Protein backbone atom coordinates (compact mmCIF):
# COMPACT_ATOMS: atom_id res chain seq x y z
CA MET A 1 109.70 35.36 112.29
CA GLU A 2 108.01 37.82 110.13
CA SER A 3 104.48 35.95 109.27
CA SER A 4 102.00 35.22 112.02
CA LEU A 5 102.20 31.57 111.05
CA ASP A 6 105.86 31.55 112.04
CA LEU A 7 104.91 33.13 115.43
CA VAL A 8 102.19 30.63 115.98
CA GLN A 9 104.79 27.83 115.35
CA GLU A 10 107.16 29.39 117.65
CA MET A 11 104.75 30.04 120.33
CA TYR A 12 104.15 26.20 120.27
CA ARG A 13 107.70 25.30 120.07
CA LEU A 14 108.43 27.17 123.23
CA ILE A 15 105.58 25.98 125.17
CA GLU A 16 106.15 22.13 124.29
CA ALA A 17 109.77 22.73 124.99
CA ALA A 18 109.13 24.25 128.50
CA ASN A 19 106.56 21.48 129.32
CA THR A 20 109.26 18.96 129.03
CA ARG A 21 110.92 20.91 131.64
CA ASN A 22 107.97 21.33 133.70
CA ILE A 23 107.85 24.98 133.10
CA HIS A 24 104.11 26.30 133.10
CA LEU A 25 104.75 28.86 130.02
CA ARG A 26 101.56 30.02 128.83
CA ALA A 27 100.75 32.48 125.95
CA ILE A 28 99.16 35.94 126.54
CA GLY A 29 98.40 38.73 124.06
CA GLY A 30 97.20 38.81 120.85
CA LEU A 31 98.43 35.25 119.72
CA ALA A 32 96.72 33.81 122.78
CA VAL A 33 93.34 35.46 121.97
CA GLU A 34 93.83 34.14 118.42
CA THR A 35 94.47 30.67 119.68
CA HIS A 36 90.99 30.74 121.09
CA ASN A 37 89.32 32.16 117.98
CA LYS A 38 87.71 28.91 117.19
CA THR A 39 85.45 30.50 114.57
CA ASN A 40 88.47 31.62 112.70
CA HIS A 41 86.60 34.88 112.10
CA PRO A 42 88.12 36.80 109.61
CA LEU A 43 87.52 40.27 111.38
CA PHE A 44 90.17 39.20 113.97
CA LYS A 45 92.95 38.11 111.50
CA ARG A 46 95.78 40.12 111.61
CA GLU A 47 99.71 39.93 111.59
CA PHE A 48 101.61 39.64 115.18
CA ALA A 49 104.98 41.23 115.86
CA ASP A 50 106.12 39.64 119.03
CA LEU A 51 105.21 37.25 121.44
CA ASP A 52 104.00 37.37 125.21
CA PHE A 53 103.88 34.90 127.94
CA CYS A 54 103.52 34.27 131.74
CA ILE A 55 105.34 32.05 133.88
CA PRO A 56 105.14 31.21 137.66
CA LEU A 57 107.34 33.27 140.04
CA LYS A 58 108.42 29.84 141.51
CA GLN A 59 109.94 28.79 138.11
CA ARG A 60 111.85 32.10 137.37
CA ARG A 61 115.26 30.66 137.65
CA ALA A 62 114.49 27.48 135.58
CA PHE A 63 112.98 29.75 132.96
CA GLU A 64 115.95 32.11 132.87
CA ALA A 65 118.23 28.76 131.97
CA PHE A 66 115.80 27.51 129.40
CA MET A 67 115.31 30.79 127.18
CA PRO A 68 119.04 30.75 126.02
CA GLU A 69 118.95 27.05 125.09
CA MET A 70 116.04 28.12 122.87
CA GLY A 71 117.79 30.87 121.25
CA TYR A 72 116.96 33.86 123.01
CA THR A 73 119.01 36.58 124.53
CA PRO A 74 117.92 38.40 127.82
CA HIS A 75 117.62 42.12 127.77
CA LYS A 76 120.22 42.02 130.92
CA GLN A 77 119.56 45.39 132.43
CA PHE A 78 115.96 45.31 132.19
CA ASN A 79 115.75 41.50 133.47
CA ILE A 80 118.25 42.22 136.36
CA LEU A 81 115.98 45.34 137.59
CA ASN A 82 112.36 43.73 136.78
CA GLY A 83 113.01 39.99 136.62
CA ASN A 84 110.76 39.21 139.54
CA GLN A 85 107.77 41.01 137.81
CA ARG A 86 108.62 41.01 134.02
CA GLN A 87 111.56 40.00 131.60
CA ILE A 88 112.22 40.67 128.09
CA TYR A 89 114.16 38.10 125.53
CA TYR A 90 115.07 38.75 122.02
CA HIS A 91 115.53 36.20 119.27
CA GLU A 92 118.57 37.65 117.86
CA PRO A 93 118.33 36.46 114.18
CA THR A 94 115.15 38.29 113.61
CA GLU A 95 115.36 40.59 116.80
CA MET A 96 111.56 39.41 117.57
CA LYS A 97 110.83 40.26 121.29
CA VAL A 98 109.51 38.05 123.72
CA ASP A 99 107.90 39.68 126.82
CA ILE A 100 107.48 37.57 129.94
CA PHE A 101 105.10 38.24 132.74
CA VAL A 102 106.26 36.77 136.17
CA GLY A 103 103.74 35.48 138.66
CA ASN A 104 101.05 38.26 137.73
CA PHE A 105 100.13 39.99 134.55
CA GLU A 106 100.56 43.85 135.39
CA MET A 107 99.94 46.78 133.20
CA CYS A 108 97.13 49.21 134.00
CA HIS A 109 95.95 46.66 136.55
CA LYS A 110 97.51 43.62 138.34
CA ILE A 111 96.00 40.06 137.49
CA PRO A 112 97.31 37.32 139.55
CA LEU A 113 98.49 34.21 137.67
CA GLU A 114 100.86 32.32 139.76
CA GLU A 115 98.54 29.41 140.55
CA ARG A 116 96.40 29.54 137.72
CA LEU A 117 98.76 28.71 134.96
CA ALA A 118 97.89 24.94 134.50
CA ALA A 119 94.44 25.61 133.74
CA ASP A 120 94.78 25.91 130.07
CA PRO A 121 97.68 24.10 128.04
CA ILE A 122 98.61 26.75 125.77
CA THR A 123 97.45 30.24 127.08
CA ILE A 124 96.63 31.88 130.32
CA PRO A 125 93.13 31.00 131.49
CA LEU A 126 90.27 32.67 129.50
CA ALA A 127 88.75 35.03 132.47
CA GLU A 128 92.43 36.32 132.93
CA LEU A 129 92.79 36.55 129.15
CA PHE A 130 89.51 38.74 128.93
CA PHE A 131 90.79 40.71 132.12
CA SER A 132 94.46 41.35 130.33
CA LYS A 133 92.62 43.18 127.50
CA ALA A 134 89.88 44.58 129.47
CA GLN A 135 92.39 46.22 131.88
CA ILE A 136 93.71 48.55 129.20
CA ILE A 137 92.90 52.20 130.05
CA GLU A 138 93.50 53.45 126.54
CA LEU A 139 91.62 50.80 124.49
CA ASN A 140 92.53 50.94 120.84
CA ARG A 141 90.52 49.28 118.10
CA LYS A 142 92.86 46.36 118.00
CA ASP A 143 92.28 45.67 121.74
CA ALA A 144 88.55 46.16 121.26
CA LEU A 145 88.52 43.41 118.51
CA ASP A 146 90.65 41.35 120.85
CA LEU A 147 88.07 41.57 123.67
CA THR A 148 85.13 40.89 121.23
CA SER A 149 87.07 37.97 119.83
CA ILE A 150 87.33 36.34 123.36
CA LEU A 151 83.58 37.16 124.00
CA LEU A 152 82.25 35.91 120.57
CA ASN A 153 84.34 32.53 120.76
CA ASN A 154 84.20 31.44 124.40
CA GLN A 155 81.17 30.82 126.53
CA THR A 156 80.68 32.53 129.94
CA GLY A 157 80.07 29.94 132.76
CA GLU A 158 81.77 27.67 135.28
CA GLY A 159 85.16 26.39 134.66
CA ASP A 160 88.09 27.15 132.34
CA GLU A 161 87.59 25.03 129.39
CA GLU A 162 87.04 27.17 126.71
CA THR A 163 84.93 29.27 129.10
CA ILE A 164 85.39 32.49 130.71
CA ASN A 165 84.98 31.41 134.12
CA LEU A 166 82.62 33.71 135.93
CA LYS A 167 83.76 32.62 139.50
CA ILE A 168 87.10 34.24 138.66
CA VAL A 169 85.55 37.17 137.09
CA ALA A 170 83.67 37.62 140.48
CA GLN A 171 86.80 36.82 142.50
CA LEU A 172 89.18 39.49 140.75
CA GLY A 173 86.56 42.14 140.53
CA SER A 174 85.63 41.90 144.10
CA ALA A 175 89.37 42.11 145.20
CA ASP A 176 90.13 45.29 142.98
CA TRP A 177 87.77 47.94 142.47
CA GLY A 178 89.98 49.70 139.95
CA LEU A 179 90.11 46.49 137.72
CA TYR A 180 86.39 46.19 137.70
CA LYS A 181 85.84 49.98 136.76
CA THR A 182 88.04 49.91 133.69
CA THR A 183 86.73 46.51 132.66
CA SER A 184 83.15 48.10 132.93
CA ILE A 185 84.38 51.06 131.02
CA ASN A 186 85.70 48.96 128.20
CA MET A 187 82.76 46.44 127.99
CA ASP A 188 80.82 49.73 127.43
CA LYS A 189 83.07 50.78 124.55
CA VAL A 190 82.75 47.52 122.94
CA GLU A 191 79.05 47.53 123.33
CA GLN A 192 78.84 51.02 121.81
CA MET A 193 81.20 49.57 118.82
CA LEU A 194 78.56 47.00 118.23
CA ASN A 195 75.38 49.26 118.45
CA ASN A 196 77.20 51.36 115.96
CA ASN A 197 77.96 48.68 113.51
CA ASP A 198 81.82 49.34 113.86
CA MET A 199 82.69 45.58 113.59
CA ALA A 200 81.96 43.29 110.72
CA LEU A 201 79.58 40.98 112.65
CA ASN A 202 76.07 39.68 111.82
CA ASN A 203 73.12 40.28 114.04
CA GLU A 204 73.51 36.80 115.46
CA GLU A 205 77.26 37.26 116.40
CA ARG A 206 76.50 40.94 118.06
CA THR A 207 73.92 39.53 119.90
CA LEU A 208 76.12 36.58 121.54
CA VAL A 209 78.76 39.15 122.41
CA SER A 210 76.14 41.44 124.18
CA GLN A 211 74.52 38.46 126.12
CA ARG A 212 78.03 37.67 127.22
CA ILE A 213 78.93 41.25 128.24
CA ASN A 214 75.80 41.25 130.07
CA GLU A 215 76.74 37.89 131.80
CA ILE A 216 79.96 39.68 133.25
CA ARG A 217 77.95 42.79 134.09
CA ARG A 218 75.61 40.73 136.08
CA THR A 219 78.48 38.76 137.82
CA PHE A 220 80.01 42.17 138.83
CA SER A 221 76.39 43.18 140.20
CA GLU A 222 76.16 40.19 142.20
CA MET A 223 79.67 39.58 143.21
CA PRO A 224 80.72 40.14 147.10
CA LYS A 225 81.85 43.88 147.64
CA PRO A 226 84.20 44.29 150.62
CA VAL A 227 84.03 47.26 152.72
CA ALA A 228 87.21 48.63 151.06
CA TRP A 229 85.81 48.14 147.77
CA GLN A 230 82.66 49.92 148.72
CA LEU A 231 84.63 52.99 150.01
CA ARG A 232 86.90 53.15 146.84
CA ASP A 233 83.63 53.07 144.77
CA ARG A 234 82.38 56.17 146.69
CA VAL A 235 85.54 58.06 145.55
CA GLY A 236 85.15 56.81 142.17
CA THR A 237 87.15 58.11 139.02
CA ARG A 238 88.02 61.47 140.68
CA VAL A 239 91.23 59.85 141.85
CA LYS A 240 93.33 57.81 139.63
CA TRP A 241 92.41 54.07 139.74
CA TYR A 242 95.04 52.82 137.30
CA ILE A 243 98.82 52.34 136.84
CA GLU A 244 100.74 54.42 134.17
CA VAL A 245 102.36 52.10 131.71
CA GLU A 246 105.80 52.93 130.39
CA GLU A 247 106.99 51.56 127.25
CA VAL A 248 110.17 49.46 127.45
CA GLN A 249 113.12 50.63 125.51
CA ARG A 250 115.55 48.07 124.17
């Protein structure tokens, strides 16, 4: 499992095998972003170290039986303590880690996925994939490139097919001020990198990414803002608005 090609093959092997058992296993993380890199843009090419997936909570037990059949060993202590939200497995011959998010993707912010995993055959839906990268408090260059790849390679609009679904963007942003705020901050960071020519993109590509950022900003501007959202907005960043994420030790 050392090369990205092998990881891509393993990703598809697991998803296809899960499909035969009616388990909605969907990729998240860098490889999911790469799956939607339709232009095969060289800026976004890199090696991948592990696999990340989401499953529905209602399919947890079937999935726990499935993984050992596929050659994976559970991180027993972690899974016992956290199994309703997150699980970890290892491919023992290579020690490659597989991170499983159950029902929701939850790191710096929570992104609900339970009822949305059938929208794309391979990855979580693009709106949620966008948020999974945009919700990172300490955005590094790799994450910024992933965000840029999603925005460059996929249109904004209605529906989920190769589209960042703006209805879902509005729904999630309206429900969670913190997610809205972190996403807004990170879109500003990506735009700053574009303006500083910190990415090897041509003018047309930079313009396209900026247009899609502005589409999402407009969606945020026009989305319903419940009273609780408005009250939290008044408090702003004086009070911490995100979850501290801890690294998992084997």
